[in-house]
Amino acid sequence: MTSSTAAGVTTPAASSTPTTGRRGGSGAGGSTRPSCQADGCRVDLTDSKHYHRRHKICEHHAKATVVLVSGQQQRFCQQCSRFHELSEFDDTKRSCRRRLAGHNERRRKSSSDLHREGSN
């Protein structure tokens, strides 16, 4: 809907509903139900845990070692909360190498700090 001003300029009409500045996540008007993003998975995530709805992945595919997503074999990383190519994982681990390296570095750092404090 548009309205005209005295100068003849057409502007969008003001909405009768206040805006909060917050938008819906899917942009689909909320009419579609959240579902798993794995190819061929039709699991309705409406009653799933918040984590699975937020990341659009069912519990089964979150823990699977191989998932087909957009035609590519991938795995869901529990640290990044996203899919990566299988080459980014060691064996059957569920965290990618990059995130595991950071995790292990932090563990080594804190354990070496503890050993130094104990030798005073």
PDB file of N, CA and C in Angstrom:
ATOM      1  N   MET A   1       0.841  -1.170   0.000  1.00  0.00           N
ATOM      2  CA  MET A   1       0.000   0.000   0.000  1.00  0.00           C
ATOM      3  C   MET A   1       0.881   1.227   0.000  1.00  0.00           C
ATOM      4  N   THR A   2       0.495   2.237  -0.800  1.00  0.00           N
ATOM      5  CA  THR A   2       1.266   3.472  -0.867  1.00  0.00           C
ATOM      6  C   THR A   2       0.355   4.650  -0.595  1.00  0.00           C
ATOM      7  N   SER A   3       0.944   5.772  -0.246  1.00  0.00           N
ATOM      8  CA  SER A   3       0.181   7.000  -0.057  1.00  0.00           C
ATOM      9  C   SER A   3       0.937   8.136  -0.734  1.00  0.00           C
ATOM     10  N   SER A   4       0.208   9.163  -1.110  1.00  0.00           N
ATOM     11  CA  SER A   4       0.837  10.298  -1.785  1.00  0.00           C
ATOM     12  C   SER A   4       0.971  11.461  -0.829  1.00  0.00           C
ATOM     13  N   THR A   5       2.026  12.230  -0.979  1.00  0.00           N
ATOM     14  CA  THR A   5       2.218  13.425  -0.173  1.00  0.00           C
ATOM     15  C   THR A   5       1.731  14.623  -0.969  1.00  0.00           C
ATOM     16  N   ALA A   6       1.724  15.782  -0.349  1.00  0.00           N
ATOM     17  CA  ALA A   6       1.254  16.996  -1.013  1.00  0.00           C
ATOM     18  C   ALA A   6       2.122  17.327  -2.228  1.00  0.00           C
ATOM     19  N   ALA A   7       3.371  16.923  -2.219  1.00  0.00           N
ATOM     20  CA  ALA A   7       4.269  17.214  -3.326  1.00  0.00           C
ATOM     21  C   ALA A   7       4.124  16.184  -4.448  1.00  0.00           C
ATOM     22  N   GLY A   8       3.246  15.195  -4.272  1.00  0.00           N
ATOM     23  CA  GLY A   8       3.022  14.193  -5.296  1.00  0.00           C
ATOM     24  C   GLY A   8       4.008  13.027  -5.255  1.00  0.00           C
ATOM     25  N   VAL A   9       4.806  12.914  -4.181  1.00  0.00           N
ATOM     26  CA  VAL A   9       5.763  11.827  -4.040  1.00  0.00           C
ATOM     27  C   VAL A   9       5.052  10.636  -3.410  1.00  0.00           C
ATOM     28  N   THR A  10       5.219   9.465  -4.018  1.00  0.00           N
ATOM     29  CA  THR A  10       4.587   8.268  -3.486  1.00  0.00           C
ATOM     30  C   THR A  10       5.524   7.613  -2.479  1.00  0.00           C
ATOM     31  N   THR A  11       5.012   7.337  -1.278  1.00  0.00           N
ATOM     32  CA  THR A  11       5.802   6.703  -0.218  1.00  0.00           C
ATOM     33  C   THR A  11       5.047   5.497   0.315  1.00  0.00           C
ATOM     34  N   PRO A  12       5.745   4.533   0.868  1.00  0.00           N
ATOM     35  CA  PRO A  12       5.042   3.401   1.471  1.00  0.00           C
ATOM     36  C   PRO A  12       4.200   3.874   2.640  1.00  0.00           C
ATOM     37  N   ALA A  13       3.003   3.343   2.747  1.00  0.00           N
ATOM     38  CA  ALA A  13       2.129   3.703   3.848  1.00  0.00           C
ATOM     39  C   ALA A  13       2.645   3.077   5.127  1.00  0.00           C
ATOM     40  N   ALA A  14       2.434   3.749   6.235  1.00  0.00           N
ATOM     41  CA  ALA A  14       2.866   3.223   7.524  1.00  0.00           C
ATOM     42  C   ALA A  14       2.026   2.017   7.889  1.00  0.00           C
ATOM     43  N   SER A  15       2.659   1.027   8.449  1.00  0.00           N
ATOM     44  CA  SER A  15       1.957  -0.185   8.864  1.00  0.00           C
ATOM     45  C   SER A  15       1.184   0.082  10.140  1.00  0.00           C
ATOM     46  N   SER A  16       0.042  -0.569  10.268  1.00  0.00           N
ATOM     47  CA  SER A  16      -0.744  -0.381  11.474  1.00  0.00           C
ATOM     48  C   SER A  16      -0.224  -1.242  12.615  1.00  0.00           C
ATOM     49  N   THR A  17       0.676  -2.189  12.310  1.00  0.00           N
ATOM     50  CA  THR A  17       1.247  -3.024  13.360  1.00  0.00           C
ATOM     51  C   THR A  17       2.643  -2.545  13.665  1.00  0.00           C
ATOM     52  N   PRO A  18       2.985  -2.434  14.944  1.00  0.00           N
ATOM     53  CA  PRO A  18       4.331  -1.964  15.290  1.00  0.00           C
ATOM     54  C   PRO A  18       5.376  -3.010  14.924  1.00  0.00           C
ATOM     55  N   THR A  19       6.561  -2.534  14.545  1.00  0.00           N
ATOM     56  CA  THR A  19       7.641  -3.462  14.225  1.00  0.00           C
ATOM     57  C   THR A  19       8.590  -3.537  15.398  1.00  0.00           C
ATOM     58  N   THR A  20       9.123  -4.710  15.620  1.00  0.00           N
ATOM     59  CA  THR A  20      10.036  -4.896  16.740  1.00  0.00           C
ATOM     60  C   THR A  20      11.475  -4.982  16.277  1.00  0.00           C
ATOM     61  N   GLY A  21      11.701  -5.009  14.967  1.00  0.00           N
ATOM     62  CA  GLY A  21      13.053  -5.133  14.458  1.00  0.00           C
ATOM     63  C   GLY A  21      13.523  -6.577  14.418  1.00  0.00           C
ATOM     64  N   ARG A  22      12.683  -7.502  14.802  1.00  0.00           N
ATOM     65  CA  ARG A  22      13.049  -8.914  14.807  1.00  0.00           C
ATOM     66  C   ARG A  22      12.384  -9.612  13.638  1.00  0.00           C
ATOM     67  N   ARG A  23      13.134 -10.444  12.951  1.00  0.00           N
ATOM     68  CA  ARG A  23      12.603 -11.127  11.779  1.00  0.00           C
ATOM     69  C   ARG A  23      12.552 -12.617  12.029  1.00  0.00           C
ATOM     70  N   GLY A  24      11.673 -13.280  11.315  1.00  0.00           N
ATOM     71  CA  GLY A  24      11.598 -14.737  11.385  1.00  0.00           C
ATOM     72  C   GLY A  24      12.812 -15.350  10.732  1.00  0.00           C
ATOM     73  N   GLY A  25      13.177 -16.544  11.153  1.00  0.00           N
ATOM     74  CA  GLY A  25      14.388 -17.190  10.664  1.00  0.00           C
ATOM     75  C   GLY A  25      14.294 -17.660   9.232  1.00  0.00           C
ATOM     76  N   SER A  26      13.161 -18.214   8.805  1.00  0.00           N
ATOM     77  CA  SER A  26      13.119 -18.829   7.486  1.00  0.00           C
ATOM     78  C   SER A  26      12.653 -17.891   6.393  1.00  0.00           C
ATOM     79  N   GLY A  27      11.948 -16.847   6.747  1.00  0.00           N
ATOM     80  CA  GLY A  27      11.431 -15.938   5.749  1.00  0.00           C
ATOM     81  C   GLY A  27      10.248 -16.513   5.001  1.00  0.00           C
ATOM     82  N   ALA A  28       9.765 -17.663   5.412  1.00  0.00           N
ATOM     83  CA  ALA A  28       8.657 -18.321   4.733  1.00  0.00           C
ATOM     84  C   ALA A  28       7.320 -17.989   5.382  1.00  0.00           C
ATOM     85  N   GLY A  29       7.312 -17.038   6.271  1.00  0.00           N
ATOM     86  CA  GLY A  29       6.064 -16.654   6.905  1.00  0.00           C
ATOM     87  C   GLY A  29       5.630 -17.602   7.994  1.00  0.00           C
ATOM     88  N   GLY A  30       6.474 -18.528   8.370  1.00  0.00           N
ATOM     89  CA  GLY A  30       6.161 -19.439   9.455  1.00  0.00           C
ATOM     90  C   GLY A  30       5.224 -20.563   9.071  1.00  0.00           C
ATOM     91  N   SER A  31       4.895 -20.690   7.797  1.00  0.00           N
ATOM     92  CA  SER A  31       3.947 -21.715   7.387  1.00  0.00           C
ATOM     93  C   SER A  31       4.601 -23.076   7.209  1.00  0.00           C
ATOM     94  N   THR A  32       5.920 -23.119   7.064  1.00  0.00           N
ATOM     95  CA  THR A  32       6.595 -24.397   6.892  1.00  0.00           C
ATOM     96  C   THR A  32       7.096 -24.900   8.239  1.00  0.00           C
ATOM     97  N   ARG A  33       7.056 -26.199   8.416  1.00  0.00           N
ATOM     98  CA  ARG A  33       7.535 -26.798   9.658  1.00  0.00           C
ATOM     99  C   ARG A  33       9.040 -27.018   9.554  1.00  0.00           C
ATOM    100  N   PRO A  34       9.760 -26.859  10.669  1.00  0.00           N
ATOM    101  CA  PRO A  34      11.199 -27.102  10.624  1.00  0.00           C
ATOM    102  C   PRO A  34      11.478 -28.575  10.353  1.00  0.00           C
ATOM    103  N   SER A  35      12.386 -28.844   9.426  1.00  0.00           N
ATOM    104  CA  SER A  35      12.720 -30.228   9.107  1.00  0.00           C
ATOM    105  C   SER A  35      14.217 -30.370   8.941  1.00  0.00           C
ATOM    106  N   CYS A  36      14.679 -31.598   9.027  1.00  0.00           N
ATOM    107  CA  CYS A  36      16.104 -31.925   8.934  1.00  0.00           C
ATOM    108  C   CYS A  36      16.632 -31.555   7.546  1.00  0.00           C
ATOM    109  N   GLN A  37      17.868 -31.044   7.503  1.00  0.00           N
ATOM    110  CA  GLN A  37      18.453 -30.617   6.230  1.00  0.00           C
ATOM    111  C   GLN A  37      19.160 -31.740   5.478  1.00  0.00           C
ATOM    112  N   ALA A  38      19.175 -32.949   6.036  1.00  0.00           N
ATOM    113  CA  ALA A  38      19.773 -34.085   5.332  1.00  0.00           C
ATOM    114  C   ALA A  38      18.891 -34.452   4.140  1.00  0.00           C
ATOM    115  N   ASP A  39      19.530 -34.816   3.033  1.00  0.00           N
ATOM    116  CA  ASP A  39      18.789 -35.192   1.824  1.00  0.00           C
ATOM    117  C   ASP A  39      17.840 -36.347   2.125  1.00  0.00           C
ATOM    118  N   GLY A  40      16.586 -36.204   1.740  1.00  0.00           N
ATOM    119  CA  GLY A  40      15.596 -37.264   1.877  1.00  0.00           C
ATOM    120  C   GLY A  40      15.013 -37.423   3.262  1.00  0.00           C
ATOM    121  N   CYS A  41      15.474 -36.670   4.238  1.00  0.00           N
ATOM    122  CA  CYS A  41      14.951 -36.788   5.605  1.00  0.00           C
ATOM    123  C   CYS A  41      13.729 -35.893   5.751  1.00  0.00           C
ATOM    124  N   ARG A  42      12.646 -36.483   6.170  1.00  0.00           N
ATOM    125  CA  ARG A  42      11.392 -35.735   6.309  1.00  0.00           C
ATOM    126  C   ARG A  42      10.973 -35.597   7.770  1.00  0.00           C
ATOM    127  N   VAL A  43      11.918 -35.732   8.698  1.00  0.00           N
ATOM    128  CA  VAL A  43      11.596 -35.654  10.119  1.00  0.00           C
ATOM    129  C   VAL A  43      11.116 -34.251  10.455  1.00  0.00           C
ATOM    130  N   ASP A  44       9.954 -34.175  11.094  1.00  0.00           N
ATOM    131  CA  ASP A  44       9.396 -32.907  11.549  1.00  0.00           C
ATOM    132  C   ASP A  44      10.063 -32.563  12.880  1.00  0.00           C
ATOM    133  N   LEU A  45      10.739 -31.431  12.952  1.00  0.00           N
ATOM    134  CA  LEU A  45      11.482 -31.043  14.148  1.00  0.00           C
ATOM    135  C   LEU A  45      10.664 -30.190  15.114  1.00  0.00           C
ATOM    136  N   THR A  46       9.370 -30.035  14.852  1.00  0.00           N
ATOM    137  CA  THR A  46       8.525 -29.175  15.673  1.00  0.00           C
ATOM    138  C   THR A  46       8.593 -29.546  17.149  1.00  0.00           C
ATOM    139  N   ASP A  47       8.553 -30.834  17.466  1.00  0.00           N
ATOM    140  CA  ASP A  47       8.558 -31.267  18.859  1.00  0.00           C
ATOM    141  C   ASP A  47       9.941 -31.717  19.334  1.00  0.00           C
ATOM    142  N   SER A  48      10.974 -31.466  18.538  1.00  0.00           N
ATOM    143  CA  SER A  48      12.338 -31.863  18.900  1.00  0.00           C
ATOM    144  C   SER A  48      12.936 -30.862  19.881  1.00  0.00           C
ATOM    145  N   LYS A  49      14.099 -31.214  20.409  1.00  0.00           N
ATOM    146  CA  LYS A  49      14.819 -30.322  21.314  1.00  0.00           C
ATOM    147  C   LYS A  49      15.188 -29.042  20.578  1.00  0.00           C
ATOM    148  N   HIS A  50      15.344 -27.967  21.337  1.00  0.00           N
ATOM    149  CA  HIS A  50      15.675 -26.661  20.768  1.00  0.00           C
ATOM    150  C   HIS A  50      16.949 -26.735  19.916  1.00  0.00           C
ATOM    151  N   TYR A  51      17.960 -27.464  20.379  1.00  0.00           N
ATOM    152  CA  TYR A  51      19.226 -27.594  19.647  1.00  0.00           C
ATOM    153  C   TYR A  51      18.986 -28.114  18.236  1.00  0.00           C
ATOM    154  N   HIS A  52      18.167 -29.167  18.112  1.00  0.00           N
ATOM    155  CA  HIS A  52      17.924 -29.773  16.808  1.00  0.00           C
ATOM    156  C   HIS A  52      17.090 -28.859  15.913  1.00  0.00           C
ATOM    157  N   ARG A  53      16.148 -28.141  16.479  1.00  0.00           N
ATOM    158  CA  ARG A  53      15.370 -27.176  15.681  1.00  0.00           C
ATOM    159  C   ARG A  53      16.271 -26.030  15.224  1.00  0.00           C
ATOM    160  N   ARG A  54      17.104 -25.543  16.115  1.00  0.00           N
ATOM    161  CA  ARG A  54      17.971 -24.407  15.809  1.00  0.00           C
ATOM    162  C   ARG A  54      18.929 -24.712  14.663  1.00  0.00           C
ATOM    163  N   HIS A  55      19.484 -25.932  14.662  1.00  0.00           N
ATOM    164  CA  HIS A  55      20.458 -26.294  13.637  1.00  0.00           C
ATOM    165  C   HIS A  55      19.850 -27.078  12.486  1.00  0.00           C
ATOM    166  N   LYS A  56      18.540 -27.279  12.525  1.00  0.00           N
ATOM    167  CA  LYS A  56      17.793 -27.975  11.464  1.00  0.00           C
ATOM    168  C   LYS A  56      18.397 -29.339  11.158  1.00  0.00           C
ATOM    169  N   ILE A  57      18.523 -30.132  12.202  1.00  0.00           N
ATOM    170  CA  ILE A  57      19.060 -31.482  12.054  1.00  0.00           C
ATOM    171  C   ILE A  57      18.378 -32.399  13.059  1.00  0.00           C
ATOM    172  N   CYS A  58      17.960 -33.564  12.594  1.00  0.00           N
ATOM    173  CA  CYS A  58      17.312 -34.517  13.498  1.00  0.00           C
ATOM    174  C   CYS A  58      18.390 -35.208  14.343  1.00  0.00           C
ATOM    175  N   GLU A  59      17.960 -35.831  15.423  1.00  0.00           N
ATOM    176  CA  GLU A  59      18.909 -36.472  16.333  1.00  0.00           C
ATOM    177  C   GLU A  59      19.705 -37.568  15.632  1.00  0.00           C
ATOM    178  N   HIS A  60      19.044 -38.327  14.769  1.00  0.00           N
ATOM    179  CA  HIS A  60      19.718 -39.412  14.046  1.00  0.00           C
ATOM    180  C   HIS A  60      20.862 -38.883  13.186  1.00  0.00           C
ATOM    181  N   HIS A  61      20.609 -37.852  12.385  1.00  0.00           N
ATOM    182  CA  HIS A  61      21.636 -37.324  11.493  1.00  0.00           C
ATOM    183  C   HIS A  61      22.696 -36.511  12.238  1.00  0.00           C
ATOM    184  N   ALA A  62      22.374 -35.976  13.410  1.00  0.00           N
ATOM    185  CA  ALA A  62      23.371 -35.261  14.206  1.00  0.00           C
ATOM    186  C   ALA A  62      24.466 -36.207  14.677  1.00  0.00           C
ATOM    187  N   LYS A  63      24.120 -37.483  14.840  1.00  0.00           N
ATOM    188  CA  LYS A  63      25.079 -38.462  15.355  1.00  0.00           C
ATOM    189  C   LYS A  63      25.616 -39.405  14.280  1.00  0.00           C
ATOM    190  N   ALA A  64      25.111 -39.299  13.068  1.00  0.00           N
ATOM    191  CA  ALA A  64      25.521 -40.204  11.997  1.00  0.00           C
ATOM    192  C   ALA A  64      26.936 -39.894  11.524  1.00  0.00           C
ATOM    193  N   THR A  65      27.669 -40.923  11.104  1.00  0.00           N
ATOM    194  CA  THR A  65      29.036 -40.711  10.623  1.00  0.00           C
ATOM    195  C   THR A  65      29.062 -40.203   9.190  1.00  0.00           C
ATOM    196  N   VAL A  66      28.018 -40.513   8.403  1.00  0.00           N
ATOM    197  CA  VAL A  66      27.928 -40.023   7.022  1.00  0.00           C
ATOM    198  C   VAL A  66      26.493 -39.582   6.761  1.00  0.00           C
ATOM    199  N   VAL A  67      26.340 -38.352   6.266  1.00  0.00           N
ATOM    200  CA  VAL A  67      25.030 -37.798   5.937  1.00  0.00           C
ATOM    201  C   VAL A  67      25.123 -37.180   4.550  1.00  0.00           C
ATOM    202  N   LEU A  68      24.128 -37.424   3.723  1.00  0.00           N
ATOM    203  CA  LEU A  68      24.083 -36.825   2.400  1.00  0.00           C
ATOM    204  C   LEU A  68      23.373 -35.473   2.501  1.00  0.00           C
ATOM    205  N   VAL A  69      24.109 -34.385   2.234  1.00  0.00           N
ATOM    206  CA  VAL A  69      23.558 -33.030   2.286  1.00  0.00           C
ATOM    207  C   VAL A  69      23.902 -32.349   0.969  1.00  0.00           C
ATOM    208  N   SER A  70      22.896 -31.914   0.244  1.00  0.00           N
ATOM    209  CA  SER A  70      23.079 -31.290  -1.071  1.00  0.00           C
ATOM    210  C   SER A  70      23.900 -32.186  -1.995  1.00  0.00           C
ATOM    211  N   GLY A  71      23.665 -33.473  -1.887  1.00  0.00           N
ATOM    212  CA  GLY A  71      24.332 -34.430  -2.758  1.00  0.00           C
ATOM    213  C   GLY A  71      25.760 -34.774  -2.374  1.00  0.00           C
ATOM    214  N   GLN A  72      26.264 -34.245  -1.251  1.00  0.00           N
ATOM    215  CA  GLN A  72      27.636 -34.506  -0.823  1.00  0.00           C
ATOM    216  C   GLN A  72      27.645 -35.265   0.496  1.00  0.00           C
ATOM    217  N   GLN A  73      28.589 -36.203   0.627  1.00  0.00           N
ATOM    218  CA  GLN A  73      28.730 -36.923   1.887  1.00  0.00           C
ATOM    219  C   GLN A  73      29.413 -36.014   2.895  1.00  0.00           C
ATOM    220  N   GLN A  74      28.732 -35.786   4.030  1.00  0.00           N
ATOM    221  CA  GLN A  74      29.258 -34.898   5.050  1.00  0.00           C
ATOM    222  C   GLN A  74      28.986 -35.474   6.425  1.00  0.00           C
ATOM    223  N   ARG A  75      29.475 -34.789   7.444  1.00  0.00           N
ATOM    224  CA  ARG A  75      29.209 -35.159   8.832  1.00  0.00           C
ATOM    225  C   ARG A  75      28.927 -33.888   9.607  1.00  0.00           C
ATOM    226  N   PHE A  76      28.027 -33.979  10.589  1.00  0.00           N
ATOM    227  CA  PHE A  76      27.686 -32.829  11.418  1.00  0.00           C
ATOM    228  C   PHE A  76      28.717 -32.705  12.534  1.00  0.00           C
ATOM    229  N   CYS A  77      29.358 -31.550  12.638  1.00  0.00           N
ATOM    230  CA  CYS A  77      30.365 -31.299  13.668  1.00  0.00           C
ATOM    231  C   CYS A  77      29.679 -30.796  14.932  1.00  0.00           C
ATOM    232  N   GLN A  78      29.878 -31.494  16.042  1.00  0.00           N
ATOM    233  CA  GLN A  78      29.203 -31.102  17.278  1.00  0.00           C
ATOM    234  C   GLN A  78      29.819 -29.847  17.893  1.00  0.00           C
ATOM    235  N   GLN A  79      31.012 -29.458  17.476  1.00  0.00           N
ATOM    236  CA  GLN A  79      31.631 -28.235  17.982  1.00  0.00           C
ATOM    237  C   GLN A  79      31.213 -27.013  17.175  1.00  0.00           C
ATOM    238  N   CYS A  80      31.214 -27.146  15.851  1.00  0.00           N
ATOM    239  CA  CYS A  80      30.861 -26.030  14.961  1.00  0.00           C
ATOM    240  C   CYS A  80      29.354 -25.921  14.746  1.00  0.00           C
ATOM    241  N   SER A  81      28.627 -27.018  15.006  1.00  0.00           N
ATOM    242  CA  SER A  81      27.185 -27.101  14.746  1.00  0.00           C
ATOM    243  C   SER A  81      26.878 -26.867  13.271  1.00  0.00           C
ATOM    244  N   ARG A  82      27.704 -27.456  12.410  1.00  0.00           N
ATOM    245  CA  ARG A  82      27.462 -27.382  10.966  1.00  0.00           C
ATOM    246  C   ARG A  82      28.063 -28.603  10.289  1.00  0.00           C
ATOM    247  N   PHE A  83      27.679 -28.797   9.042  1.00  0.00           N
ATOM    248  CA  PHE A  83      28.193 -29.927   8.282  1.00  0.00           C
ATOM    249  C   PHE A  83      29.538 -29.580   7.651  1.00  0.00           C
ATOM    250  N   HIS A  84      30.443 -30.572   7.656  1.00  0.00           N
ATOM    251  CA  HIS A  84      31.738 -30.460   6.987  1.00  0.00           C
ATOM    252  C   HIS A  84      31.917 -31.687   6.107  1.00  0.00           C
ATOM    253  N   GLU A  85      32.848 -31.592   5.157  1.00  0.00           N
ATOM    254  CA  GLU A  85      33.223 -32.753   4.357  1.00  0.00           C
ATOM    255  C   GLU A  85      33.873 -33.784   5.263  1.00  0.00           C
ATOM    256  N   LEU A  86      33.754 -35.041   4.909  1.00  0.00           N
ATOM    257  CA  LEU A  86      34.294 -36.130   5.731  1.00  0.00           C
ATOM    258  C   LEU A  86      35.798 -36.014   5.927  1.00  0.00           C
ATOM    259  N   SER A  87      36.504 -35.417   4.957  1.00  0.00           N
ATOM    260  CA  SER A  87      37.960 -35.295   5.044  1.00  0.00           C
ATOM    261  C   SER A  87      38.404 -34.399   6.203  1.00  0.00           C
ATOM    262  N   GLU A  88      37.493 -33.624   6.770  1.00  0.00           N
ATOM    263  CA  GLU A  88      37.845 -32.724   7.870  1.00  0.00           C
ATOM    264  C   GLU A  88      37.767 -33.391   9.241  1.00  0.00           C
ATOM    265  N   PHE A  89      37.429 -34.683   9.259  1.00  0.00           N
ATOM    266  CA  PHE A  89      37.281 -35.420  10.509  1.00  0.00           C
ATOM    267  C   PHE A  89      38.305 -36.546  10.587  1.00  0.00           C
ATOM    268  N   ASP A  90      38.708 -36.910  11.791  1.00  0.00           N
ATOM    269  CA  ASP A  90      39.544 -38.084  12.020  1.00  0.00           C
ATOM    270  C   ASP A  90      38.635 -39.261  12.339  1.00  0.00           C
ATOM    271  N   ASP A  91      38.809 -40.343  11.604  1.00  0.00           N
ATOM    272  CA  ASP A  91      38.072 -41.589  11.842  1.00  0.00           C
ATOM    273  C   ASP A  91      36.569 -41.332  11.993  1.00  0.00           C
ATOM    274  N   THR A  92      36.016 -41.706  13.140  1.00  0.00           N
ATOM    275  CA  THR A  92      34.563 -41.536  13.347  1.00  0.00           C
ATOM    276  C   THR A  92      34.268 -40.410  14.329  1.00  0.00           C
ATOM    277  N   LYS A  93      35.252 -39.572  14.596  1.00  0.00           N
ATOM    278  CA  LYS A  93      35.031 -38.471  15.547  1.00  0.00           C
ATOM    279  C   LYS A  93      33.940 -37.530  15.042  1.00  0.00           C
ATOM    280  N   ARG A  94      33.237 -36.897  15.981  1.00  0.00           N
ATOM    281  CA  ARG A  94      32.137 -36.003  15.622  1.00  0.00           C
ATOM    282  C   ARG A  94      32.507 -34.528  15.713  1.00  0.00           C
ATOM    283  N   SER A  95      33.785 -34.238  15.931  1.00  0.00           N
ATOM    284  CA  SER A  95      34.282 -32.863  15.911  1.00  0.00           C
ATOM    285  C   SER A  95      35.369 -32.773  14.848  1.00  0.00           C
ATOM    286  N   CYS A  96      35.365 -31.702  14.080  1.00  0.00           N
ATOM    287  CA  CYS A  96      36.347 -31.548  13.007  1.00  0.00           C
ATOM    288  C   CYS A  96      37.741 -31.338  13.600  1.00  0.00           C
ATOM    289  N   ARG A  97      38.768 -31.626  12.800  1.00  0.00           N
ATOM    290  CA  ARG A  97      40.151 -31.519  13.249  1.00  0.00           C
ATOM    291  C   ARG A  97      40.490 -30.129  13.765  1.00  0.00           C
ATOM    292  N   ARG A  98      40.006 -29.104  13.074  1.00  0.00           N
ATOM    293  CA  ARG A  98      40.332 -27.722  13.456  1.00  0.00           C
ATOM    294  C   ARG A  98      39.846 -27.418  14.867  1.00  0.00           C
ATOM    295  N   ARG A  99      38.614 -27.794  15.169  1.00  0.00           N
ATOM    296  CA  ARG A  99      38.073 -27.537  16.504  1.00  0.00           C
ATOM    297  C   ARG A  99      38.729 -28.420  17.560  1.00  0.00           C
ATOM    298  N   LEU A 100      39.021 -29.674  17.203  1.00  0.00           N
ATOM    299  CA  LEU A 100      39.709 -30.558  18.152  1.00  0.00           C
ATOM    300  C   LEU A 100      41.102 -30.040  18.471  1.00  0.00           C
ATOM    301  N   ALA A 101      41.789 -29.493  17.463  1.00  0.00           N
ATOM    302  CA  ALA A 101      43.135 -28.951  17.690  1.00  0.00           C
ATOM    303  C   ALA A 101      43.077 -27.804  18.702  1.00  0.00           C
ATOM    304  N   GLY A 102      42.110 -26.929  18.556  1.00  0.00           N
ATOM    305  CA  GLY A 102      41.951 -25.821  19.505  1.00  0.00           C
ATOM    306  C   GLY A 102      41.619 -26.323  20.899  1.00  0.00           C
ATOM    307  N   HIS A 103      40.761 -27.328  20.969  1.00  0.00           N
ATOM    308  CA  HIS A 103      40.373 -27.915  22.254  1.00  0.00           C
ATOM    309  C   HIS A 103      41.590 -28.544  22.936  1.00  0.00           C
ATOM    310  N   ASN A 104      42.357 -29.330  22.170  1.00  0.00           N
ATOM    311  CA  ASN A 104      43.537 -29.986  22.735  1.00  0.00           C
ATOM    312  C   ASN A 104      44.601 -28.979  23.154  1.00  0.00           C
ATOM    313  N   GLU A 105      44.747 -27.901  22.394  1.00  0.00           N
ATOM    314  CA  GLU A 105      45.704 -26.850  22.739  1.00  0.00           C
ATOM    315  C   GLU A 105      45.333 -26.205  24.076  1.00  0.00           C
ATOM    316  N   ARG A 106      44.062 -25.920  24.262  1.00  0.00           N
ATOM    317  CA  ARG A 106      43.617 -25.334  25.531  1.00  0.00           C
ATOM    318  C   ARG A 106      43.847 -26.299  26.691  1.00  0.00           C
ATOM    319  N   ARG A 107      43.613 -27.587  26.457  1.00  0.00           N
ATOM    320  CA  ARG A 107      43.836 -28.588  27.512  1.00  0.00           C
ATOM    321  C   ARG A 107      45.313 -28.668  27.870  1.00  0.00           C
ATOM    322  N   ARG A 108      46.190 -28.687  26.850  1.00  0.00           N
ATOM    323  CA  ARG A 108      47.628 -28.758  27.114  1.00  0.00           C
ATOM    324  C   ARG A 108      48.100 -27.519  27.864  1.00  0.00           C
ATOM    325  N   LYS A 109      47.568 -26.375  27.466  1.00  0.00           N
ATOM    326  CA  LYS A 109      47.964 -25.115  28.087  1.00  0.00           C
ATOM    327  C   LYS A 109      47.592 -25.105  29.569  1.00  0.00           C
ATOM    328  N   SER A 110      46.368 -25.480  29.892  1.00  0.00           N
ATOM    329  CA  SER A 110      45.930 -25.440  31.290  1.00  0.00           C
ATOM    330  C   SER A 110      46.625 -26.516  32.117  1.00  0.00           C
ATOM    331  N   SER A 111      46.918 -27.684  31.535  1.00  0.00           N
ATOM    332  CA  SER A 111      47.598 -28.720  32.316  1.00  0.00           C
ATOM    333  C   SER A 111      49.058 -28.345  32.553  1.00  0.00           C
ATOM    334  N   SER A 112      49.705 -27.668  31.610  1.00  0.00           N
ATOM    335  CA  SER A 112      51.091 -27.245  31.822  1.00  0.00           C
ATOM    336  C   SER A 112      51.142 -26.127  32.865  1.00  0.00           C
ATOM    337  N   ASP A 113      50.118 -25.280  32.913  1.00  0.00           N
ATOM    338  CA  ASP A 113      50.040 -24.238  33.943  1.00  0.00           C
ATOM    339  C   ASP A 113      49.942 -24.874  35.324  1.00  0.00           C
ATOM    340  N   LEU A 114      49.168 -25.920  35.434  1.00  0.00           N
ATOM    341  CA  LEU A 114      49.010 -26.597  36.718  1.00  0.00           C
ATOM    342  C   LEU A 114      50.318 -27.241  37.158  1.00  0.00           C
ATOM    343  N   HIS A 115      51.046 -27.839  36.229  1.00  0.00           N
ATOM    344  CA  HIS A 115      52.319 -28.483  36.569  1.00  0.00           C
ATOM    345  C   HIS A 115      53.336 -27.443  37.013  1.00  0.00           C
ATOM    346  N   ARG A 116      53.373 -26.272  36.386  1.00  0.00           N
ATOM    347  CA  ARG A 116      54.307 -25.225  36.775  1.00  0.00           C
ATOM    348  C   ARG A 116      54.017 -24.714  38.167  1.00  0.00           C
ATOM    349  N   GLU A 117      52.724 -24.542  38.490  1.00  0.00           N
ATOM    350  CA  GLU A 117      52.349 -24.034  39.819  1.00  0.00           C
ATOM    351  C   GLU A 117      52.725 -25.038  40.901  1.00  0.00           C
ATOM    352  N   GLY A 118      52.642 -26.308  40.610  1.00  0.00           N
ATOM    353  CA  GLY A 118      52.951 -27.332  41.603  1.00  0.00           C
ATOM    354  C   GLY A 118      54.433 -27.496  41.870  1.00  0.00           C
ATOM    355  N   SER A 119      55.285 -26.962  40.985  1.00  0.00           N
ATOM    356  CA  SER A 119      56.739 -27.138  41.169  1.00  0.00           C
ATOM    357  C   SER A 119      57.389 -25.965  41.881  1.00  0.00           C
ATOM    358  N   ASN A 120      56.628 -25.038  42.383  1.00  0.00           N
ATOM    359  CA  ASN A 120      57.192 -23.872  43.084  1.00  0.00           C
ATOM    360  C   ASN A 120      57.753 -24.238  44.400  1.00  0.00           C
TER     361      ASN A 120
END
